[in-house]
C-alpha cells in the first residue's frame, strides 16, 4: 500500500475483507483502534516479508488479531505482496 491502493492487485480483495476495517481502505490506519498506517514506509516491527508474515499469522500484543486460522498460506502471501510492493 506504500504506493497507494492497487485495486487490480490479487491481494486487494483479501485486504479489503480482512484489514480495511481497522487499517482503512487506503491504509491510513486508525489510532483509536491501535491500527497503524500501512501506506507509508514506517514499520513498527519491520517491513520485511518474514516479519509481516509473523504479524499476520500471530497478531501483535492483543491489538492486531492473528489471521493464521482465517487465511491460508496463499492468501497471506498475497497480502504480504500487496503491503511491500
N, C-alpha and C. Protein backbone atom coordinates (compact mmCIF):
# COMPACT_ATOMS: atom_id res chain seq x y z
N UNK A 1 0.81 -1.20 0.00
CA UNK A 1 0.00 0.00 0.00
C UNK A 1 0.85 1.26 0.00
N UNK A 2 2.16 1.09 0.03
CA UNK A 2 3.05 2.24 0.10
C UNK A 2 2.88 3.15 -1.11
N UNK A 3 2.52 2.61 -2.23
CA UNK A 3 2.35 3.41 -3.44
C UNK A 3 0.87 3.64 -3.75
N UNK A 4 0.03 3.56 -2.75
CA UNK A 4 -1.40 3.72 -2.94
C UNK A 4 -2.07 2.38 -3.15
N UNK A 5 -3.36 2.38 -3.13
CA UNK A 5 -4.12 1.15 -3.28
C UNK A 5 -4.20 0.75 -4.75
N UNK A 6 -3.80 -0.46 -5.02
CA UNK A 6 -3.86 -1.00 -6.37
C UNK A 6 -4.99 -2.02 -6.39
N UNK A 7 -6.15 -1.60 -6.84
CA UNK A 7 -7.32 -2.47 -6.83
C UNK A 7 -7.18 -3.67 -7.75
N UNK A 8 -6.22 -3.62 -8.68
CA UNK A 8 -6.02 -4.75 -9.59
C UNK A 8 -5.10 -5.82 -8.98
N UNK A 9 -4.44 -5.51 -7.88
CA UNK A 9 -3.53 -6.46 -7.24
C UNK A 9 -4.34 -7.64 -6.70
N UNK A 10 -3.88 -8.87 -6.88
CA UNK A 10 -4.65 -10.03 -6.42
C UNK A 10 -4.81 -10.09 -4.90
N UNK A 11 -4.03 -9.35 -4.13
CA UNK A 11 -4.18 -9.32 -2.68
C UNK A 11 -5.20 -8.30 -2.21
N UNK A 12 -5.64 -7.41 -3.10
CA UNK A 12 -6.56 -6.34 -2.72
C UNK A 12 -7.87 -6.85 -2.11
N UNK A 13 -8.55 -7.83 -2.71
CA UNK A 13 -9.80 -8.30 -2.08
C UNK A 13 -9.58 -8.84 -0.66
N UNK A 14 -8.47 -9.52 -0.42
CA UNK A 14 -8.18 -10.03 0.93
C UNK A 14 -7.93 -8.88 1.89
N UNK A 15 -7.24 -7.85 1.41
CA UNK A 15 -7.01 -6.68 2.25
C UNK A 15 -8.34 -6.04 2.64
N UNK A 16 -9.19 -5.83 1.65
CA UNK A 16 -10.48 -5.19 1.92
C UNK A 16 -11.32 -6.02 2.90
N UNK A 17 -11.26 -7.32 2.77
CA UNK A 17 -12.07 -8.22 3.60
C UNK A 17 -11.51 -8.34 5.02
N UNK A 18 -10.20 -8.33 5.19
CA UNK A 18 -9.61 -8.65 6.48
C UNK A 18 -8.87 -7.51 7.18
N UNK A 19 -8.48 -6.49 6.45
CA UNK A 19 -7.60 -5.45 7.01
C UNK A 19 -8.22 -4.06 7.02
N UNK A 20 -9.03 -3.76 6.02
CA UNK A 20 -9.52 -2.40 5.83
C UNK A 20 -10.37 -1.90 6.99
N UNK A 21 -11.07 -2.77 7.68
CA UNK A 21 -11.92 -2.32 8.80
C UNK A 21 -11.10 -1.58 9.86
N UNK A 22 -9.88 -2.00 10.08
CA UNK A 22 -9.02 -1.34 11.07
C UNK A 22 -8.02 -0.38 10.45
N UNK A 23 -7.38 -0.80 9.36
CA UNK A 23 -6.31 -0.01 8.76
C UNK A 23 -6.82 0.97 7.70
N UNK A 24 -8.08 0.89 7.34
CA UNK A 24 -8.67 1.79 6.35
C UNK A 24 -8.51 1.28 4.93
N UNK A 25 -9.44 1.66 4.09
CA UNK A 25 -9.43 1.22 2.69
C UNK A 25 -8.18 1.68 1.96
N UNK A 26 -7.64 2.82 2.35
CA UNK A 26 -6.43 3.37 1.73
C UNK A 26 -5.18 3.08 2.56
N UNK A 27 -5.34 2.37 3.69
CA UNK A 27 -4.20 2.04 4.54
C UNK A 27 -3.76 3.18 5.44
N UNK A 28 -4.65 4.15 5.70
CA UNK A 28 -4.30 5.32 6.51
C UNK A 28 -4.25 5.03 8.00
N UNK A 29 -4.73 3.86 8.43
CA UNK A 29 -4.69 3.50 9.84
C UNK A 29 -5.81 4.12 10.65
N UNK A 30 -5.86 3.72 11.92
CA UNK A 30 -6.85 4.26 12.85
C UNK A 30 -6.25 4.25 14.25
N UNK A 31 -5.71 5.37 14.71
CA UNK A 31 -5.08 5.41 16.03
C UNK A 31 -6.01 5.01 17.17
N UNK A 32 -7.30 5.29 17.05
CA UNK A 32 -8.25 4.93 18.11
C UNK A 32 -8.32 3.42 18.29
N UNK A 33 -8.05 2.67 17.23
CA UNK A 33 -8.06 1.21 17.31
C UNK A 33 -6.66 0.63 17.52
N UNK A 34 -5.66 1.48 17.47
CA UNK A 34 -4.28 1.00 17.56
C UNK A 34 -3.79 0.41 16.25
N UNK A 35 -4.45 0.77 15.15
CA UNK A 35 -4.09 0.25 13.83
C UNK A 35 -3.20 1.27 13.12
N UNK A 36 -1.92 0.96 12.92
CA UNK A 36 -1.01 1.92 12.29
C UNK A 36 -1.27 2.08 10.80
N UNK A 37 -0.72 3.17 10.26
CA UNK A 37 -0.77 3.40 8.82
C UNK A 37 -0.02 2.28 8.11
N UNK A 38 -0.50 1.89 6.97
CA UNK A 38 0.18 0.91 6.14
C UNK A 38 0.59 1.51 4.81
N UNK A 39 0.22 2.75 4.56
CA UNK A 39 0.50 3.38 3.27
C UNK A 39 1.70 4.33 3.33
N UNK A 40 2.55 4.15 4.33
CA UNK A 40 3.80 4.89 4.38
C UNK A 40 4.94 3.88 4.50
N UNK A 41 6.13 4.35 4.65
CA UNK A 41 7.28 3.44 4.70
C UNK A 41 7.80 3.29 6.14
N UNK A 42 6.90 3.40 7.11
CA UNK A 42 7.27 3.26 8.51
C UNK A 42 6.67 1.95 9.02
N UNK A 43 7.52 1.09 9.55
CA UNK A 43 7.08 -0.21 10.04
C UNK A 43 7.44 -0.33 11.51
N UNK A 44 6.46 -0.63 12.35
CA UNK A 44 6.70 -0.73 13.79
C UNK A 44 7.58 -1.92 14.15
N UNK A 45 7.42 -3.02 13.44
CA UNK A 45 8.15 -4.24 13.76
C UNK A 45 9.08 -4.70 12.64
N UNK A 46 9.12 -3.96 11.56
CA UNK A 46 9.95 -4.31 10.41
C UNK A 46 9.08 -4.58 9.20
N UNK A 47 9.54 -4.17 8.05
CA UNK A 47 8.75 -4.29 6.83
C UNK A 47 9.20 -5.40 5.91
N UNK A 48 9.96 -6.36 6.44
CA UNK A 48 10.38 -7.45 5.57
C UNK A 48 9.33 -8.55 5.55
N UNK A 49 9.43 -9.43 4.60
CA UNK A 49 8.43 -10.47 4.39
C UNK A 49 8.24 -11.34 5.63
N UNK A 50 9.32 -11.74 6.28
CA UNK A 50 9.23 -12.62 7.44
C UNK A 50 8.49 -11.96 8.59
N UNK A 51 8.79 -10.71 8.87
CA UNK A 51 8.15 -10.00 9.97
C UNK A 51 6.67 -9.77 9.70
N UNK A 52 6.33 -9.37 8.49
CA UNK A 52 4.93 -9.15 8.14
C UNK A 52 4.16 -10.46 8.21
N UNK A 53 4.75 -11.54 7.73
CA UNK A 53 4.09 -12.84 7.80
C UNK A 53 3.84 -13.22 9.26
N UNK A 54 4.82 -13.00 10.13
CA UNK A 54 4.66 -13.31 11.55
C UNK A 54 3.52 -12.48 12.16
N UNK A 55 3.45 -11.21 11.80
CA UNK A 55 2.38 -10.35 12.30
C UNK A 55 1.02 -10.86 11.83
N UNK A 56 0.90 -11.19 10.56
CA UNK A 56 -0.37 -11.68 10.04
C UNK A 56 -0.78 -13.01 10.68
N UNK A 57 0.16 -13.89 10.83
CA UNK A 57 -0.15 -15.21 11.38
C UNK A 57 -0.46 -15.19 12.87
N UNK A 58 0.30 -14.38 13.64
CA UNK A 58 0.22 -14.46 15.10
C UNK A 58 -0.33 -13.22 15.78
N UNK A 59 -0.53 -12.15 15.05
CA UNK A 59 -1.04 -10.92 15.64
C UNK A 59 0.04 -10.17 16.42
N UNK A 60 -0.39 -9.08 17.07
CA UNK A 60 0.54 -8.26 17.85
C UNK A 60 -0.12 -7.79 19.13
N UNK A 61 0.35 -8.26 20.24
CA UNK A 61 0.01 -7.77 21.58
C UNK A 61 -1.49 -7.62 21.83
N UNK A 62 -2.29 -8.50 21.32
CA UNK A 62 -3.72 -8.46 21.57
C UNK A 62 -4.47 -7.35 20.84
N UNK A 63 -3.77 -6.55 20.05
CA UNK A 63 -4.43 -5.48 19.30
C UNK A 63 -4.65 -5.93 17.86
N UNK A 64 -3.60 -6.38 17.22
CA UNK A 64 -3.69 -6.93 15.87
C UNK A 64 -4.05 -8.40 16.01
N UNK A 65 -5.21 -8.81 15.50
CA UNK A 65 -5.59 -10.22 15.64
C UNK A 65 -4.73 -11.14 14.78
N UNK A 66 -4.65 -12.38 15.18
CA UNK A 66 -3.96 -13.40 14.39
C UNK A 66 -4.88 -13.86 13.28
N UNK A 67 -4.33 -14.03 12.10
CA UNK A 67 -5.13 -14.48 10.96
C UNK A 67 -4.73 -15.87 10.48
N UNK A 68 -3.90 -16.55 11.26
CA UNK A 68 -3.43 -17.88 10.87
C UNK A 68 -4.57 -18.86 10.64
N UNK A 69 -5.63 -18.74 11.42
CA UNK A 69 -6.78 -19.65 11.27
C UNK A 69 -7.80 -19.16 10.26
N UNK A 70 -7.66 -17.92 9.80
CA UNK A 70 -8.63 -17.34 8.86
C UNK A 70 -8.13 -17.31 7.42
N UNK A 71 -6.81 -17.24 7.25
CA UNK A 71 -6.22 -17.12 5.92
C UNK A 71 -5.28 -18.28 5.65
N UNK A 72 -5.30 -18.79 4.44
CA UNK A 72 -4.36 -19.86 4.10
C UNK A 72 -3.03 -19.25 3.65
N UNK A 73 -2.06 -20.10 3.39
CA UNK A 73 -0.72 -19.63 3.03
C UNK A 73 -0.74 -18.71 1.81
N UNK A 74 -1.50 -19.07 0.80
CA UNK A 74 -1.55 -18.27 -0.43
C UNK A 74 -2.14 -16.89 -0.15
N UNK A 75 -3.18 -16.83 0.66
CA UNK A 75 -3.81 -15.55 0.97
C UNK A 75 -2.85 -14.65 1.77
N UNK A 76 -2.12 -15.24 2.70
CA UNK A 76 -1.14 -14.47 3.47
C UNK A 76 -0.05 -13.95 2.55
N UNK A 77 0.41 -14.76 1.62
CA UNK A 77 1.44 -14.31 0.67
C UNK A 77 0.94 -13.19 -0.22
N UNK A 78 -0.34 -13.24 -0.62
CA UNK A 78 -0.91 -12.16 -1.42
C UNK A 78 -0.95 -10.86 -0.64
N UNK A 79 -1.32 -10.94 0.63
CA UNK A 79 -1.35 -9.73 1.45
C UNK A 79 0.06 -9.15 1.64
N UNK A 80 1.02 -10.01 1.87
CA UNK A 80 2.40 -9.55 2.01
C UNK A 80 2.85 -8.86 0.72
N UNK A 81 2.55 -9.46 -0.41
CA UNK A 81 2.94 -8.87 -1.70
C UNK A 81 2.28 -7.51 -1.89
N UNK A 82 1.04 -7.37 -1.47
CA UNK A 82 0.35 -6.08 -1.58
C UNK A 82 1.00 -5.05 -0.67
N UNK A 83 1.36 -5.43 0.53
CA UNK A 83 1.89 -4.49 1.51
C UNK A 83 3.30 -4.02 1.21
N UNK A 84 4.14 -4.88 0.64
CA UNK A 84 5.54 -4.49 0.45
C UNK A 84 5.91 -4.16 -0.99
N UNK A 85 4.94 -4.08 -1.85
CA UNK A 85 5.25 -3.79 -3.25
C UNK A 85 5.84 -2.43 -3.43
